[in-house]
Every structure is written in structure tokens, then in C-alpha cells.
Amino acid sequence: MSATDLIKHFNDNNFDEGISDGVVLVDFYADWCGPCRMIAPIVEELAQEMVGKITVAKVDTDQSVGVASKFEVTSIPTLILFKDGQIAKRVVGLKDLDSLRKMITEVL
């Protein structure tokens, strides 16, 4: 299974249900965003590494304005780590694999 198959796509309709259980890393992005394209392979690698431990999902902020507004996502990429529906960690901007991995393991 490829990394892109492991990543879920959340939107305004399925977001709340998607984050309700377990640890979920959500990548808020837009197709036109350069740093978002740069962090995408890092997020894909995390999805492969963390299979069975966390869920990895993406939200297109242009298509899901409601969710982006609810979580005050004003800069992208923004990555929010949820645990059982609650925000556990939040980072804004391009981050490296090690720092994201550390953020996740602190919450697991």
C-alpha cells in the first residue's frame, strides 16, 4: 500500500467524525502553497511509519473553509495533532521529519 493510500482526506462534512477517536495528524494545505508541497512527502513518510498507531489526514483549506476557520488556520501548512477529538499539538510552517516524529511520540 502506498503512502498516499494511507492518508485520509477530511472536509467540512467528515472532519469531526474523523478526529473523534485515537491520535490523528491533520495537514491543512492548499494546492497552490509551495511549502505545503514540500512537506507532503514528509507527511507521507509519517503515514507509513505510524501505520496502526495514528491516522494521517489532509484538509484542503480552499475546499473546507469551515474546518479551517473553526481551528483558526490562517497560515499553511498547519499541522494539528488531535487525540480523541481534542487538540494535543499544533505546528505552523515547514517542519522536518524528526521534529514531527517527536511531536507525535510525545502524544502517543
PDB file of N, CA and C in Angstrom:
ATOM      1  N   MET A   1       0.842  -1.183   0.000  1.00  0.00           N
ATOM      2  CA  MET A   1       0.000   0.000   0.000  1.00  0.00           C
ATOM      3  C   MET A   1       0.890   1.251   0.000  1.00  0.00           C
ATOM      4  N   SER A   2       0.588   2.183  -0.884  1.00  0.00           N
ATOM      5  CA  SER A   2       1.409   3.393  -0.965  1.00  0.00           C
ATOM      6  C   SER A   2       1.026   4.373   0.141  1.00  0.00           C
ATOM      7  N   ALA A   3       1.919   5.318   0.377  1.00  0.00           N
ATOM      8  CA  ALA A   3       1.685   6.309   1.437  1.00  0.00           C
ATOM      9  C   ALA A   3       0.428   7.123   1.158  1.00  0.00           C
ATOM     10  N   THR A   4       0.205   7.458  -0.111  1.00  0.00           N
ATOM     11  CA  THR A   4      -0.974   8.265  -0.428  1.00  0.00           C
ATOM     12  C   THR A   4      -2.264   7.498  -0.152  1.00  0.00           C
ATOM     13  N   ASP A   5      -2.227   6.161  -0.235  1.00  0.00           N
ATOM     14  CA  ASP A   5      -3.404   5.354   0.100  1.00  0.00           C
ATOM     15  C   ASP A   5      -3.689   5.379   1.600  1.00  0.00           C
ATOM     16  N   LEU A   6      -2.664   5.612   2.402  1.00  0.00           N
ATOM     17  CA  LEU A   6      -2.815   5.611   3.859  1.00  0.00           C
ATOM     18  C   LEU A   6      -3.368   6.928   4.397  1.00  0.00           C
ATOM     19  N   ILE A   7      -3.288   7.987   3.590  1.00  0.00           N
ATOM     20  CA  ILE A   7      -3.698   9.316   4.046  1.00  0.00           C
ATOM     21  C   ILE A   7      -5.170   9.544   3.716  1.00  0.00           C
ATOM     22  N   LYS A   8      -5.933   9.905   4.739  1.00  0.00           N
ATOM     23  CA  LYS A   8      -7.356  10.183   4.552  1.00  0.00           C
ATOM     24  C   LYS A   8      -7.523  11.638   4.144  1.00  0.00           C
ATOM     25  N   HIS A   9      -8.649  11.926   3.534  1.00  0.00           N
ATOM     26  CA  HIS A   9      -8.969  13.299   3.147  1.00  0.00           C
ATOM     27  C   HIS A   9     -10.231  13.721   3.885  1.00  0.00           C
ATOM     28  N   PHE A  10     -10.062  14.692   4.763  1.00  0.00           N
ATOM     29  CA  PHE A  10     -11.181  15.199   5.542  1.00  0.00           C
ATOM     30  C   PHE A  10     -11.678  16.493   4.916  1.00  0.00           C
ATOM     31  N   ASN A  11     -12.958  16.788   5.167  1.00  0.00           N
ATOM     32  CA  ASN A  11     -13.560  18.033   4.705  1.00  0.00           C
ATOM     33  C   ASN A  11     -14.548  18.510   5.770  1.00  0.00           C
ATOM     34  N   ASP A  12     -15.299  19.556   5.438  1.00  0.00           N
ATOM     35  CA  ASP A  12     -16.242  20.113   6.406  1.00  0.00           C
ATOM     36  C   ASP A  12     -17.263  19.076   6.877  1.00  0.00           C
ATOM     37  N   ASN A  13     -17.585  18.102   6.033  1.00  0.00           N
ATOM     38  CA  ASN A  13     -18.631  17.126   6.354  1.00  0.00           C
ATOM     39  C   ASN A  13     -18.151  15.976   7.230  1.00  0.00           C
ATOM     40  N   ASN A  14     -16.915  15.524   7.050  1.00  0.00           N
ATOM     41  CA  ASN A  14     -16.466  14.319   7.764  1.00  0.00           C
ATOM     42  C   ASN A  14     -15.373  14.587   8.805  1.00  0.00           C
ATOM     43  N   PHE A  15     -15.021  15.845   9.012  1.00  0.00           N
ATOM     44  CA  PHE A  15     -13.886  16.169   9.874  1.00  0.00           C
ATOM     45  C   PHE A  15     -14.097  15.740  11.326  1.00  0.00           C
ATOM     46  N   ASP A  16     -15.201  16.161  11.927  1.00  0.00           N
ATOM     47  CA  ASP A  16     -15.421  15.882  13.353  1.00  0.00           C
ATOM     48  C   ASP A  16     -15.411  14.383  13.637  1.00  0.00           C
ATOM     49  N   GLU A  17     -16.047  13.609  12.777  1.00  0.00           N
ATOM     50  CA  GLU A  17     -16.050  12.154  12.946  1.00  0.00           C
ATOM     51  C   GLU A  17     -14.639  11.592  12.770  1.00  0.00           C
ATOM     52  N   GLY A  18     -13.889  12.146  11.814  1.00  0.00           N
ATOM     53  CA  GLY A  18     -12.552  11.649  11.511  1.00  0.00           C
ATOM     54  C   GLY A  18     -11.551  11.818  12.639  1.00  0.00           C
ATOM     55  N   ILE A  19     -11.707  12.878  13.434  1.00  0.00           N
ATOM     56  CA  ILE A  19     -10.745  13.138  14.519  1.00  0.00           C
ATOM     57  C   ILE A  19     -11.220  12.634  15.874  1.00  0.00           C
ATOM     58  N   SER A  20     -12.395  12.034  15.924  1.00  0.00           N
ATOM     59  CA  SER A  20     -13.027  11.734  17.213  1.00  0.00           C
ATOM     60  C   SER A  20     -12.347  10.628  18.010  1.00  0.00           C
ATOM     61  N   ASP A  21     -11.604   9.734  17.348  1.00  0.00           N
ATOM     62  CA  ASP A  21     -11.085   8.567  18.049  1.00  0.00           C
ATOM     63  C   ASP A  21      -9.598   8.372  17.763  1.00  0.00           C
ATOM     64  N   GLY A  22      -8.810   8.246  18.825  1.00  0.00           N
ATOM     65  CA  GLY A  22      -7.387   7.977  18.667  1.00  0.00           C
ATOM     66  C   GLY A  22      -6.580   9.226  18.369  1.00  0.00           C
ATOM     67  N   VAL A  23      -5.359   9.011  17.892  1.00  0.00           N
ATOM     68  CA  VAL A  23      -4.443  10.104  17.564  1.00  0.00           C
ATOM     69  C   VAL A  23      -4.491  10.327  16.058  1.00  0.00           C
ATOM     70  N   VAL A  24      -4.761  11.574  15.661  1.00  0.00           N
ATOM     71  CA  VAL A  24      -4.923  11.920  14.250  1.00  0.00           C
ATOM     72  C   VAL A  24      -4.076  13.150  13.940  1.00  0.00           C
ATOM     73  N   LEU A  25      -3.182  13.022  12.958  1.00  0.00           N
ATOM     74  CA  LEU A  25      -2.393  14.155  12.472  1.00  0.00           C
ATOM     75  C   LEU A  25      -3.083  14.703  11.237  1.00  0.00           C
ATOM     76  N   VAL A  26      -3.454  15.984  11.282  1.00  0.00           N
ATOM     77  CA  VAL A  26      -4.142  16.610  10.156  1.00  0.00           C
ATOM     78  C   VAL A  26      -3.246  17.686   9.559  1.00  0.00           C
ATOM     79  N   ASP A  27      -3.011  17.559   8.255  1.00  0.00           N
ATOM     80  CA  ASP A  27      -2.214  18.507   7.480  1.00  0.00           C
ATOM     81  C   ASP A  27      -3.178  19.427   6.744  1.00  0.00           C
ATOM     82  N   PHE A  28      -3.244  20.692   7.165  1.00  0.00           N
ATOM     83  CA  PHE A  28      -4.048  21.696   6.477  1.00  0.00           C
ATOM     84  C   PHE A  28      -3.182  22.301   5.380  1.00  0.00           C
ATOM     85  N   TYR A  29      -3.654  22.249   4.132  1.00  0.00           N
ATOM     86  CA  TYR A  29      -2.834  22.641   2.991  1.00  0.00           C
ATOM     87  C   TYR A  29      -3.702  23.275   1.900  1.00  0.00           C
ATOM     88  N   ALA A  30      -3.033  23.764   0.853  1.00  0.00           N
ATOM     89  CA  ALA A  30      -3.702  24.179  -0.382  1.00  0.00           C
ATOM     90  C   ALA A  30      -2.789  23.790  -1.539  1.00  0.00           C
ATOM     91  N   ASP A  31      -3.393  23.471  -2.674  1.00  0.00           N
ATOM     92  CA  ASP A  31      -2.617  23.022  -3.833  1.00  0.00           C
ATOM     93  C   ASP A  31      -1.612  24.069  -4.313  1.00  0.00           C
ATOM     94  N   TRP A  32      -1.928  25.353  -4.147  1.00  0.00           N
ATOM     95  CA  TRP A  32      -1.069  26.427  -4.653  1.00  0.00           C
ATOM     96  C   TRP A  32       0.087  26.772  -3.705  1.00  0.00           C
ATOM     97  N   CYS A  33       0.128  26.153  -2.546  1.00  0.00           N
ATOM     98  CA  CYS A  33       1.087  26.503  -1.488  1.00  0.00           C
ATOM     99  C   CYS A  33       2.395  25.727  -1.659  1.00  0.00           C
ATOM    100  N   GLY A  34       3.491  26.437  -1.944  1.00  0.00           N
ATOM    101  CA  GLY A  34       4.797  25.806  -2.133  1.00  0.00           C
ATOM    102  C   GLY A  34       5.283  25.015  -0.926  1.00  0.00           C
ATOM    103  N   PRO A  35       5.313  25.619   0.274  1.00  0.00           N
ATOM    104  CA  PRO A  35       5.740  24.862   1.451  1.00  0.00           C
ATOM    105  C   PRO A  35       4.853  23.639   1.728  1.00  0.00           C
ATOM    106  N   CYS A  36       3.576  23.727   1.370  1.00  0.00           N
ATOM    107  CA  CYS A  36       2.676  22.574   1.544  1.00  0.00           C
ATOM    108  C   CYS A  36       3.132  21.414   0.659  1.00  0.00           C
ATOM    109  N   ARG A  37       3.535  21.733  -0.562  1.00  0.00           N
ATOM    110  CA  ARG A  37       4.031  20.682  -1.468  1.00  0.00           C
ATOM    111  C   ARG A  37       5.344  20.109  -0.949  1.00  0.00           C
ATOM    112  N   MET A  38       6.149  20.932  -0.275  1.00  0.00           N
ATOM    113  CA  MET A  38       7.427  20.462   0.259  1.00  0.00           C
ATOM    114  C   MET A  38       7.241  19.549   1.475  1.00  0.00           C
ATOM    115  N   ILE A  39       6.219  19.799   2.281  1.00  0.00           N
ATOM    116  CA  ILE A  39       6.007  18.975   3.475  1.00  0.00           C
ATOM    117  C   ILE A  39       5.231  17.694   3.150  1.00  0.00           C
ATOM    118  N   ALA A  40       4.576  17.648   2.000  1.00  0.00           N
ATOM    119  CA  ALA A  40       3.753  16.480   1.637  1.00  0.00           C
ATOM    120  C   ALA A  40       4.517  15.156   1.720  1.00  0.00           C
ATOM    121  N   PRO A  41       5.752  15.043   1.166  1.00  0.00           N
ATOM    122  CA  PRO A  41       6.460  13.762   1.277  1.00  0.00           C
ATOM    123  C   PRO A  41       6.815  13.395   2.719  1.00  0.00           C
ATOM    124  N   ILE A  42       7.010  14.393   3.571  1.00  0.00           N
ATOM    125  CA  ILE A  42       7.307  14.142   4.982  1.00  0.00           C
ATOM    126  C   ILE A  42       6.063  13.571   5.663  1.00  0.00           C
ATOM    127  N   VAL A  43       4.913  14.151   5.362  1.00  0.00           N
ATOM    128  CA  VAL A  43       3.649  13.660   5.919  1.00  0.00           C
ATOM    129  C   VAL A  43       3.380  12.235   5.424  1.00  0.00           C
ATOM    130  N   GLU A  44       3.684  11.976   4.148  1.00  0.00           N
ATOM    131  CA  GLU A  44       3.500  10.630   3.591  1.00  0.00           C
ATOM    132  C   GLU A  44       4.405   9.619   4.290  1.00  0.00           C
ATOM    133  N   GLU A  45       5.635  10.014   4.571  1.00  0.00           N
ATOM    134  CA  GLU A  45       6.557   9.119   5.269  1.00  0.00           C
ATOM    135  C   GLU A  45       6.054   8.812   6.682  1.00  0.00           C
ATOM    136  N   LEU A  46       5.540   9.829   7.363  1.00  0.00           N
ATOM    137  CA  LEU A  46       4.972   9.615   8.698  1.00  0.00           C
ATOM    138  C   LEU A  46       3.788   8.653   8.640  1.00  0.00           C
ATOM    139  N   ALA A  47       2.965   8.784   7.605  1.00  0.00           N
ATOM    140  CA  ALA A  47       1.807   7.893   7.456  1.00  0.00           C
ATOM    141  C   ALA A  47       2.258   6.443   7.366  1.00  0.00           C
ATOM    142  N   GLN A  48       3.350   6.199   6.635  1.00  0.00           N
ATOM    143  CA  GLN A  48       3.866   4.835   6.507  1.00  0.00           C
ATOM    144  C   GLN A  48       4.491   4.349   7.811  1.00  0.00           C
ATOM    145  N   GLU A  49       5.263   5.209   8.453  1.00  0.00           N
ATOM    146  CA  GLU A  49       5.938   4.845   9.709  1.00  0.00           C
ATOM    147  C   GLU A  49       4.961   4.544  10.837  1.00  0.00           C
ATOM    148  N   MET A  50       3.875   5.280  10.874  1.00  0.00           N
ATOM    149  CA  MET A  50       2.966   5.242  12.023  1.00  0.00           C
ATOM    150  C   MET A  50       1.702   4.415  11.777  1.00  0.00           C
ATOM    151  N   VAL A  51       1.713   3.562  10.765  1.00  0.00           N
ATOM    152  CA  VAL A  51       0.546   2.720  10.475  1.00  0.00           C
ATOM    153  C   VAL A  51       0.152   1.959  11.737  1.00  0.00           C
ATOM    154  N   GLY A  52      -1.130   2.020  12.068  1.00  0.00           N
ATOM    155  CA  GLY A  52      -1.623   1.315  13.245  1.00  0.00           C
ATOM    156  C   GLY A  52      -1.484   2.096  14.539  1.00  0.00           C
ATOM    157  N   LYS A  53      -0.712   3.179  14.514  1.00  0.00           N
ATOM    158  CA  LYS A  53      -0.528   3.998  15.717  1.00  0.00           C
ATOM    159  C   LYS A  53      -1.343   5.286  15.643  1.00  0.00           C
ATOM    160  N   ILE A  54      -1.308   5.926  14.463  1.00  0.00           N
ATOM    161  CA  ILE A  54      -2.050   7.169  14.269  1.00  0.00           C
ATOM    162  C   ILE A  54      -2.752   7.125  12.918  1.00  0.00           C
ATOM    163  N   THR A  55      -3.698   8.039  12.751  1.00  0.00           N
ATOM    164  CA  THR A  55      -4.323   8.289  11.461  1.00  0.00           C
ATOM    165  C   THR A  55      -3.716   9.578  10.926  1.00  0.00           C
ATOM    166  N   VAL A  56      -3.402   9.605   9.640  1.00  0.00           N
ATOM    167  CA  VAL A  56      -2.891  10.815   9.000  1.00  0.00           C
ATOM    168  C   VAL A  56      -3.931  11.268   7.980  1.00  0.00           C
ATOM    169  N   ALA A  57      -4.234  12.561   8.013  1.00  0.00           N
ATOM    170  CA  ALA A  57      -5.258  13.096   7.119  1.00  0.00           C
ATOM    171  C   ALA A  57      -4.831  14.457   6.596  1.00  0.00           C
ATOM    172  N   LYS A  58      -5.456  14.851   5.484  1.00  0.00           N
ATOM    173  CA  LYS A  58      -5.211  16.157   4.889  1.00  0.00           C
ATOM    174  C   LYS A  58      -6.544  16.891   4.759  1.00  0.00           C
ATOM    175  N   VAL A  59      -6.475  18.213   4.880  1.00  0.00           N
ATOM    176  CA  VAL A  59      -7.632  19.066   4.658  1.00  0.00           C
ATOM    177  C   VAL A  59      -7.209  20.173   3.705  1.00  0.00           C
ATOM    178  N   ASP A  60      -7.880  20.261   2.562  1.00  0.00           N
ATOM    179  CA  ASP A  60      -7.645  21.340   1.601  1.00  0.00           C
ATOM    180  C   ASP A  60      -8.393  22.572   2.116  1.00  0.00           C
ATOM    181  N   THR A  61      -7.646  23.580   2.535  1.00  0.00           N
ATOM    182  CA  THR A  61      -8.265  24.755   3.157  1.00  0.00           C
ATOM    183  C   THR A  61      -9.109  25.565   2.174  1.00  0.00           C
ATOM    184  N   ASP A  62      -8.838  25.441   0.877  1.00  0.00           N
ATOM    185  CA  ASP A  62      -9.663  26.135  -0.112  1.00  0.00           C
ATOM    186  C   ASP A  62     -11.028  25.473  -0.261  1.00  0.00           C
ATOM    187  N   GLN A  63     -11.084  24.165  -0.063  1.00  0.00           N
ATOM    188  CA  GLN A  63     -12.328  23.411  -0.210  1.00  0.00           C
ATOM    189  C   GLN A  63     -13.095  23.271   1.105  1.00  0.00           C
ATOM    190  N   SER A  64     -12.403  23.382   2.219  1.00  0.00           N
ATOM    191  CA  SER A  64     -13.013  23.157   3.541  1.00  0.00           C
ATOM    192  C   SER A  64     -12.803  24.377   4.427  1.00  0.00           C
ATOM    193  N   VAL A  65     -13.417  25.459   4.030  1.00  0.00           N
ATOM    194  CA  VAL A  65     -13.241  26.736   4.719  1.00  0.00           C
ATOM    195  C   VAL A  65     -13.774  26.677   6.147  1.00  0.00           C
ATOM    196  N   GLY A  66     -14.849  25.921   6.362  1.00  0.00           N
ATOM    197  CA  GLY A  66     -15.448  25.831   7.692  1.00  0.00           C
ATOM    198  C   GLY A  66     -14.496  25.246   8.718  1.00  0.00           C
ATOM    199  N   VAL A  67     -13.858  24.126   8.366  1.00  0.00           N
ATOM    200  CA  VAL A  67     -12.914  23.476   9.285  1.00  0.00           C
ATOM    201  C   VAL A  67     -11.708  24.377   9.516  1.00  0.00           C
ATOM    202  N   ALA A  68     -11.194  24.965   8.443  1.00  0.00           N
ATOM    203  CA  ALA A  68     -10.032  25.847   8.571  1.00  0.00           C
ATOM    204  C   ALA A  68     -10.346  27.024   9.496  1.00  0.00           C
ATOM    205  N   SER A  69     -11.535  27.574   9.363  1.00  0.00           N
ATOM    206  CA  SER A  69     -11.944  28.691  10.205  1.00  0.00           C
ATOM    207  C   SER A  69     -12.135  28.252  11.656  1.00  0.00           C
ATOM    208  N   LYS A  70     -12.766  27.109  11.856  1.00  0.00           N
ATOM    209  CA  LYS A  70     -13.028  26.597  13.206  1.00  0.00           C
ATOM    210  C   LYS A  70     -11.738  26.442  14.010  1.00  0.00           C
ATOM    211  N   PHE A  71     -10.672  25.995  13.336  1.00  0.00           N
ATOM    212  CA  PHE A  71      -9.398  25.776  14.022  1.00  0.00           C
ATOM    213  C   PHE A  71      -8.407  26.914  13.792  1.00  0.00           C
ATOM    214  N   GLU A  72      -8.916  28.053  13.303  1.00  0.00           N
ATOM    215  CA  GLU A  72      -8.134  29.278  13.124  1.00  0.00           C
ATOM    216  C   GLU A  72      -6.854  29.036  12.336  1.00  0.00           C
ATOM    217  N   VAL A  73      -6.994  28.290  11.238  1.00  0.00           N
ATOM    218  CA  VAL A  73      -5.860  28.038  10.352  1.00  0.00           C
ATOM    219  C   VAL A  73      -5.749  29.236   9.416  1.00  0.00           C
ATOM    220  N   THR A  74      -4.766  30.096   9.688  1.00  0.00           N
ATOM    221  CA  THR A  74      -4.582  31.297   8.879  1.00  0.00           C
ATOM    222  C   THR A  74      -3.319  31.230   8.036  1.00  0.00           C
ATOM    223  N   SER A  75      -2.404  30.353   8.387  1.00  0.00           N
ATOM    224  CA  SER A  75      -1.178  30.135   7.613  1.00  0.00           C
ATOM    225  C   SER A  75      -1.077  28.646   7.314  1.00  0.00           C
ATOM    226  N   ILE A  76      -0.574  28.345   6.123  1.00  0.00           N
ATOM    227  CA  ILE A  76      -0.396  26.938   5.767  1.00  0.00           C
ATOM    228  C   ILE A  76       1.027  26.719   5.281  1.00  0.00           C
ATOM    229  N   PRO A  77       1.568  25.535   5.469  1.00  0.00           N
ATOM    230  CA  PRO A  77       0.905  24.393   6.092  1.00  0.00           C
ATOM    231  C   PRO A  77       0.779  24.558   7.606  1.00  0.00           C
ATOM    232  N   THR A  78      -0.344  24.088   8.126  1.00  0.00           N
ATOM    233  CA  THR A  78      -0.545  23.945   9.565  1.00  0.00           C
ATOM    234  C   THR A  78      -0.817  22.479   9.822  1.00  0.00           C
ATOM    235  N   LEU A  79      -0.119  21.906  10.785  1.00  0.00           N
ATOM    236  CA  LEU A  79      -0.363  20.523  11.175  1.00  0.00           C
ATOM    237  C   LEU A  79      -0.883  20.526  12.602  1.00  0.00           C
ATOM    238  N   ILE A  80      -2.043  19.898  12.789  1.00  0.00           N
ATOM    239  CA  ILE A  80      -2.636  19.800  14.118  1.00  0.00           C
ATOM    240  C   ILE A  80      -2.743  18.323  14.472  1.00  0.00           C
ATOM    241  N   LEU A  81      -2.258  17.997  15.653  1.00  0.00           N
ATOM    242  CA  LEU A  81      -2.324  16.634  16.157  1.00  0.00           C
ATOM    243  C   LEU A  81      -3.467  16.567  17.172  1.00  0.00           C
ATOM    244  N   PHE A  82      -4.447  15.731  16.878  1.00  0.00           N
ATOM    245  CA  PHE A  82      -5.605  15.554  17.747  1.00  0.00           C
ATOM    246  C   PHE A  82      -5.483  14.240  18.504  1.00  0.00           C
ATOM    247  N   LYS A  83      -5.968  14.242  19.731  1.00  0.00           N
ATOM    248  CA  LYS A  83      -6.081  12.996  20.498  1.00  0.00           C
ATOM    249  C   LYS A  83      -7.516  12.923  21.002  1.00  0.00           C
ATOM    250  N   ASP A  84      -8.239  11.928  20.522  1.00  0.00           N
ATOM    251  CA  ASP A  84      -9.651  11.733  20.881  1.00  0.00           C
ATOM    252  C   ASP A  84     -10.465  13.016  20.707  1.00  0.00           C
ATOM    253  N   GLY A  85     -10.249  13.697  19.580  1.00  0.00           N
ATOM    254  CA  GLY A  85     -11.034  14.870  19.231  1.00  0.00           C
ATOM    255  C   GLY A  85     -10.543  16.189  19.788  1.00  0.00           C
ATOM    256  N   GLN A  86      -9.531  16.163  20.646  1.00  0.00           N
ATOM    257  CA  GLN A  86      -9.004  17.389  21.247  1.00  0.00           C
ATOM    258  C   GLN A  86      -7.627  17.714  20.674  1.00  0.00           C
ATOM    259  N   ILE A  87      -7.330  19.009  20.517  1.00  0.00           N
ATOM    260  CA  ILE A  87      -6.017  19.408  20.014  1.00  0.00           C
ATOM    261  C   ILE A  87      -4.957  19.064  21.057  1.00  0.00           C
ATOM    262  N   ALA A  88      -3.954  18.299  20.622  1.00  0.00           N
ATOM    263  CA  ALA A  88      -2.842  17.938  21.505  1.00  0.00           C
ATOM    264  C   ALA A  88      -1.608  18.776  21.191  1.00  0.00           C
ATOM    265  N   LYS A  89      -1.357  19.012  19.904  1.00  0.00           N
ATOM    266  CA  LYS A  89      -0.193  19.801  19.459  1.00  0.00           C
ATOM    267  C   LYS A  89      -0.570  20.500  18.161  1.00  0.00           C
ATOM    268  N   ARG A  90       0.151  21.589  17.882  1.00  0.00           N
ATOM    269  CA  ARG A  90      -0.096  22.349  16.654  1.00  0.00           C
ATOM    270  C   ARG A  90       1.223  22.964  16.207  1.00  0.00           C
ATOM    271  N   VAL A  91       1.533  22.825  14.920  1.00  0.00           N
ATOM    272  CA  VAL A  91       2.722  23.470  14.358  1.00  0.00           C
ATOM    273  C   VAL A  91       2.342  24.145  13.050  1.00  0.00           C
ATOM    274  N   VAL A  92       2.984  25.272  12.796  1.00  0.00           N
ATOM    275  CA  VAL A  92       2.726  26.030  11.579  1.00  0.00           C
ATOM    276  C   VAL A  92       4.020  26.148  10.801  1.00  0.00           C
ATOM    277  N   GLY A  93       3.940  25.939   9.489  1.00  0.00           N
ATOM    278  CA  GLY A  93       5.105  26.084   8.631  1.00  0.00           C
ATOM    279  C   GLY A  93       5.781  24.760   8.348  1.00  0.00           C
ATOM    280  N   LEU A  94       6.809  24.838   7.546  1.00  0.00           N
ATOM    281  CA  LEU A  94       7.549  23.657   7.118  1.00  0.00           C
ATOM    282  C   LEU A  94       8.384  23.115   8.272  1.00  0.00           C
ATOM    283  N   LYS A  95       8.178  21.855   8.602  1.00  0.00           N
ATOM    284  CA  LYS A  95       8.930  21.194   9.678  1.00  0.00           C
ATOM    285  C   LYS A  95       9.600  19.951   9.116  1.00  0.00           C
ATOM    286  N   ASP A  96      10.687  19.506   9.779  1.00  0.00           N
ATOM    287  CA  ASP A  96      11.375  18.307   9.295  1.00  0.00           C
ATOM    288  C   ASP A  96      10.766  17.052   9.921  1.00  0.00           C
ATOM    289  N   LEU A  97      11.138  15.919   9.362  1.00  0.00           N
ATOM    290  CA  LEU A  97      10.595  14.633   9.785  1.00  0.00           C
ATOM    291  C   LEU A  97      10.843  14.368  11.268  1.00  0.00           C
ATOM    292  N   ASP A  98      12.056  14.630  11.735  1.00  0.00           N
ATOM    293  CA  ASP A  98      12.393  14.338  13.131  1.00  0.00           C
ATOM    294  C   ASP A  98      11.547  15.141  14.114  1.00  0.00           C
ATOM    295  N   SER A  99      11.333  16.422  13.826  1.00  0.00           N
ATOM    296  CA  SER A  99      10.555  17.240  14.767  1.00  0.00           C
ATOM    297  C   SER A  99       9.089  16.804  14.779  1.00  0.00           C
ATOM    298  N   LEU A 100       8.555  16.412  13.627  1.00  0.00           N
ATOM    299  CA  LEU A 100       7.175  15.934  13.592  1.00  0.00           C
ATOM    300  C   LEU A 100       7.047  14.576  14.278  1.00  0.00           C
ATOM    301  N   ARG A 101       8.017  13.719  14.063  1.00  0.00           N
ATOM    302  CA  ARG A 101       8.019  12.405  14.709  1.00  0.00           C
ATOM    303  C   ARG A 101       8.045  12.578  16.233  1.00  0.00           C
ATOM    304  N   LYS A 102       8.879  13.496  16.721  1.00  0.00           N
ATOM    305  CA  LYS A 102       8.984  13.761  18.165  1.00  0.00           C
ATOM    306  C   LYS A 102       7.652  14.280  18.709  1.00  0.00           C
ATOM    307  N   MET A 103       7.019  15.191  17.978  1.00  0.00           N
ATOM    308  CA  MET A 103       5.731  15.739  18.391  1.00  0.00           C
ATOM    309  C   MET A 103       4.699  14.613  18.548  1.00  0.00           C
ATOM    310  N   ILE A 104       4.694  13.686  17.608  1.00  0.00           N
ATOM    311  CA  ILE A 104       3.725  12.588  17.645  1.00  0.00           C
ATOM    312  C   ILE A 104       4.010  11.640  18.805  1.00  0.00           C
ATOM    313  N   THR A 105       5.270  11.272  18.981  1.00  0.00           N
ATOM    314  CA  THR A 105       5.594  10.302  20.036  1.00  0.00           C
ATOM    315  C   THR A 105       5.324  10.870  21.429  1.00  0.00           C
ATOM    316  N   GLU A 106       5.384  12.194  21.582  1.00  0.00           N
ATOM    317  CA  GLU A 106       5.054  12.814  22.869  1.00  0.00           C
ATOM    318  C   GLU A 106       3.576  12.638  23.220  1.00  0.00           C
ATOM    319  N   VAL A 107       2.739  12.478  22.211  1.00  0.00           N
ATOM    320  CA  VAL A 107       1.295  12.380  22.425  1.00  0.00           C
ATOM    321  C   VAL A 107       0.829  10.924  22.513  1.00  0.00           C
ATOM    322  N   LEU A 108       1.582  10.024  21.903  1.00  0.00           N
ATOM    323  CA  LEU A 108       1.181   8.607  21.914  1.00  0.00           C
ATOM    324  C   LEU A 108       1.228   8.010  23.309  1.00  0.00           C
TER     325      LEU A 108
END
